[in-house]
C-alpha atoms as a PDB file:
ATOM      1  CA  MET A   1      -4.693   3.373  14.980  1.00  0.00           C
ATOM      2  CA  THR A   2      -7.858   4.292  18.248  1.00  0.00           C
ATOM      3  CA  VAL A   3      -9.567   7.141  18.325  1.00  0.00           C
ATOM      4  CA  LYS A   4      -6.533   8.895  20.554  1.00  0.00           C
ATOM      5  CA  ASP A   5      -4.358   7.860  18.455  1.00  0.00           C
ATOM      6  CA  LEU A   6      -5.997  10.646  16.550  1.00  0.00           C
ATOM      7  CA  ILE A   7      -6.313  13.527  18.505  1.00  0.00           C
ATOM      8  CA  LEU A   8      -5.030  16.452  16.782  1.00  0.00           C
ATOM      9  CA  ASP A   9      -3.271  19.678  18.337  1.00  0.00           C
ATOM     10  CA  ASP A  10      -3.855  22.716  19.014  1.00  0.00           C
ATOM     11  CA  SER A  11      -2.956  24.429  15.637  1.00  0.00           C
ATOM     12  CA  LEU A  12      -3.499  21.548  13.500  1.00  0.00           C
ATOM     13  CA  LEU A  13      -7.205  21.243  15.148  1.00  0.00           C
ATOM     14  CA  LYS A  14      -7.384  25.243  14.501  1.00  0.00           C
ATOM     15  CA  SER A  15      -6.665  24.611  11.184  1.00  0.00           C
ATOM     16  CA  TYR A  16      -8.801  21.664  10.049  1.00  0.00           C
ATOM     17  CA  ARG A  17     -12.083  22.615  12.188  1.00  0.00           C
ATOM     18  CA  SER A  18     -13.543  25.048   8.954  1.00  0.00           C
ATOM     19  CA  ALA A  19     -13.465  22.078   6.983  1.00  0.00           C
ATOM     20  CA  MET A  20     -16.527  21.857   5.460  1.00  0.00           C
ATOM     21  CA  THR A  21     -18.125  19.083   3.794  1.00  0.00           C
ATOM     22  CA  ARG A  22     -22.083  18.142   2.250  1.00  0.00           C
ATOM     23  CA  VAL A  23     -23.673  14.442   2.935  1.00  0.00           C
ATOM     24  CA  THR A  24     -25.264  13.862  -1.030  1.00  0.00           C
ATOM     25  CA  GLY A  25     -28.498  11.987  -1.956  1.00  0.00           C
ATOM     26  CA  LYS A  26     -26.095   8.727  -1.255  1.00  0.00           C
ATOM     27  CA  PHE A  27     -25.120   9.428   2.467  1.00  0.00           C
ATOM     28  CA  GLN A  28     -21.949  10.201   0.659  1.00  0.00           C
ATOM     29  CA  ILE A  29     -18.976  12.855   1.777  1.00  0.00           C
ATOM     30  CA  THR A  30     -16.304  13.768  -0.402  1.00  0.00           C
ATOM     31  CA  LEU A  31     -13.381  14.649   2.495  1.00  0.00           C
ATOM     32  CA  PRO A  32     -11.052  17.859   2.908  1.00  0.00           C
ATOM     33  CA  LYS A  33      -7.959  18.158   1.024  1.00  0.00           C
ATOM     34  CA  GLN A  34      -6.685  18.912   3.589  1.00  0.00           C
ATOM     35  CA  LEU A  35      -7.336  15.989   5.488  1.00  0.00           C
ATOM     36  CA  VAL A  36      -6.632  13.321   2.594  1.00  0.00           C
ATOM     37  CA  ASP A  37      -2.957  14.823   2.390  1.00  0.00           C
ATOM     38  CA  ALA A  38      -1.829  14.792   5.417  1.00  0.00           C
ATOM     39  CA  TYR A  39      -3.413  11.284   6.262  1.00  0.00           C
ATOM     40  CA  GLY A  40      -2.362   9.908   2.715  1.00  0.00           C
ATOM     41  CA  ILE A  41      -4.994   8.806   2.671  1.00  0.00           C
ATOM     42  CA  ARG A  42      -5.558   7.639  -1.501  1.00  0.00           C
ATOM     43  CA  VAL A  43      -7.668   6.718  -3.865  1.00  0.00           C
ATOM     44  CA  GLY A  44      -9.337   2.679  -3.556  1.00  0.00           C
ATOM     45  CA  ASP A  45      -8.050   3.405   0.638  1.00  0.00           C
ATOM     46  CA  GLU A  46     -10.983   2.176   3.032  1.00  0.00           C
ATOM     47  CA  VAL A  47     -11.364   4.714   6.574  1.00  0.00           C
ATOM     48  CA  GLU A  48     -12.997   2.609   9.319  1.00  0.00           C
ATOM     49  CA  LEU A  49     -16.172   4.964  10.832  1.00  0.00           C
ATOM     50  CA  VAL A  50     -16.186   4.976  14.683  1.00  0.00           C
ATOM     51  CA  ALA A  51     -18.440   6.809  16.917  1.00  0.00           C
ATOM     52  CA  ALA A  52     -17.225   9.035  19.005  1.00  0.00           C
ATOM     53  CA  GLY A  53     -19.389  11.173  21.739  1.00  0.00           C
ATOM     54  CA  ASP A  54     -21.370  13.416  19.126  1.00  0.00           C
ATOM     55  CA  ALA A  55     -18.881  12.823  16.295  1.00  0.00           C
ATOM     56  CA  ILE A  56     -17.500  10.694  14.032  1.00  0.00           C
ATOM     57  CA  ALA A  57     -13.778   8.999  13.642  1.00  0.00           C
ATOM     58  CA  ILE A  58     -12.734   8.654  10.698  1.00  0.00           C
ATOM     59  CA  LEU A  59      -9.585   6.529  11.120  1.00  0.00           C
ATOM     60  CA  PRO A  60      -7.647   5.895   7.846  1.00  0.00           C
ATOM     61  CA  SER A  61      -6.233   2.208   7.400  1.00  0.00           C
ATOM     62  CA  GLY A  62      -3.753   1.183   9.287  1.00  0.00           C
ATOM     63  CA  SER A  63      -2.742  -0.939   6.394  1.00  0.00           C
ATOM     64  CA  ARG A  64      -1.951  -0.115   3.065  1.00  0.00           C
ATOM     65  CA  GLY A  65      -1.016  -3.500   0.865  1.00  0.00           C
ATOM     66  CA  LYS A  66      -0.156  -4.091  -2.147  1.00  0.00           C
ATOM     67  CA  SER A  67      -0.372  -0.921  -4.522  1.00  0.00           C
ATOM     68  CA  PHE A  68      -0.808  -1.789  -8.007  1.00  0.00           C
ATOM     69  CA  SER A  69       0.105  -0.391 -11.398  1.00  0.00           C
ATOM     70  CA  LEU A  70      -2.097   0.610 -13.588  1.00  0.00           C
ATOM     71  CA  GLU A  71      -1.392  -2.676 -15.948  1.00  0.00           C
ATOM     72  CA  GLU A  72      -1.951  -4.761 -13.257  1.00  0.00           C
ATOM     73  CA  ARG A  73      -5.143  -3.340 -12.278  1.00  0.00           C
ATOM     74  CA  LEU A  74      -6.470  -3.656 -15.789  1.00  0.00           C
ATOM     75  CA  ARG A  75      -5.585  -6.710 -16.015  1.00  0.00           C
ATOM     76  CA  ASN A  76      -7.284  -7.559 -12.737  1.00  0.00           C
ATOM     77  CA  PHE A  77     -10.600  -6.130 -13.811  1.00  0.00           C
ATOM     78  CA  ASP A  78     -10.564  -8.167 -17.960  1.00  0.00           C
ATOM     79  CA  ASP A  79      -9.619 -11.339 -15.568  1.00  0.00           C
ATOM     80  CA  ALA A  80     -12.750 -10.814 -13.465  1.00  0.00           C
ATOM     81  CA  THR A  81     -15.428 -10.117 -16.977  1.00  0.00           C
ATOM     82  CA  ARG A  82     -13.583 -13.404 -18.500  1.00  0.00           C
ATOM     83  CA  ARG A  83     -14.765 -14.863 -14.573  1.00  0.00           C
ATOM     84  CA  LEU A  84     -17.884 -13.647 -14.907  1.00  0.00           C
ATOM     85  CA  ASN A  85     -19.091 -13.615 -18.658  1.00  0.00           C
ATOM     86  CA  ALA A  86     -17.176 -17.835 -18.091  1.00  0.00           C
ATOM     87  CA  ARG A  87     -20.250 -18.095 -15.289  1.00  0.00           C
ATOM     88  CA  SER A  88     -23.402 -20.289 -16.939  1.00  0.00           C
ATOM     89  CA  PRO A  89     -26.764 -18.545 -16.305  1.00  0.00           C
ATOM     90  CA  ALA A  90     -28.329 -20.975 -13.777  1.00  0.00           C
ATOM     91  CA  GLU A  91     -25.318 -19.692 -11.669  1.00  0.00           C
ATOM     92  CA  LEU A  92     -26.466 -15.857 -11.973  1.00  0.00           C
ATOM     93  CA  PRO A  93     -28.707 -14.083  -9.675  1.00  0.00           C
ATOM     94  CA  PRO A  94     -31.607 -14.416 -11.350  1.00  0.00           C
ATOM     95  CA  SER A  95     -33.840 -10.835 -12.597  1.00  0.00           C
ATOM     96  CA  THR A  96     -35.954  -9.493 -10.404  1.00  0.00           C
ATOM     97  CA  GLY A  97     -37.797  -7.181 -13.691  1.00  0.00           C
ATOM     98  CA  ASP A  98     -39.197  -3.916 -13.535  1.00  0.00           C
ATOM     99  CA  ARG A  99     -38.779  -2.857 -10.071  1.00  0.00           C
ATOM    100  CA  GLY A 100     -40.490   0.572 -10.676  1.00  0.00           C
ATOM    101  CA  TRP A 101     -37.912   2.732 -11.205  1.00  0.00           C
ATOM    102  CA  THR A 102     -35.271   4.108 -14.280  1.00  0.00           C
ATOM    103  CA  ARG A 103     -31.442   3.969 -14.223  1.00  0.00           C
ATOM    104  CA  ASP A 104     -32.486   7.747 -15.109  1.00  0.00           C
ATOM    105  CA  GLU A 105     -34.298   8.622 -12.273  1.00  0.00           C
ATOM    106  CA  LEU A 106     -32.356   6.991  -9.810  1.00  0.00           C
ATOM    107  CA  TYR A 107     -29.533   9.284  -9.952  1.00  0.00           C
ATOM    108  CA  THR A 108     -31.782  11.923 -10.928  1.00  0.00           C
ATOM    109  CA  ARG A 109     -33.268  11.738  -6.734  1.00  0.00           C
ATOM    110  CA  GLY A 110     -33.027  13.632  -3.975  1.00  0.00           C
ATOM    111  CA  ARG A 111     -31.551  16.291  -6.308  1.00  0.00           C
ATOM    112  CA  SER A 112     -33.485  19.306  -6.098  1.00  0.00           C
ATOM    113  CA  ARG A 113     -34.596  21.362  -9.472  1.00  0.00           C
END
């Protein structure tokens, strides 16, 4: 799918023009529900960000791949956890020690009080 494929007709463009979102402290955005529904975007889908002149186009993934049931996702998660736990300490990345910040500080960083 190209940027040209996503050109909205005038009526559709007017209904989405006012949809705004905010960038978080982690540079994340939330897609407006109208757009998510219109393009069939689901949790876990990948989207491609493409520079389009003075704008950024968000292209939904062209291939959805296999959709896993809850049981399959949980089984895959458990399998990955078992593989991680089976690794020897020598295979794991070295600990970096004190990074100069705590987890709580990381969660509140960038938030105004």
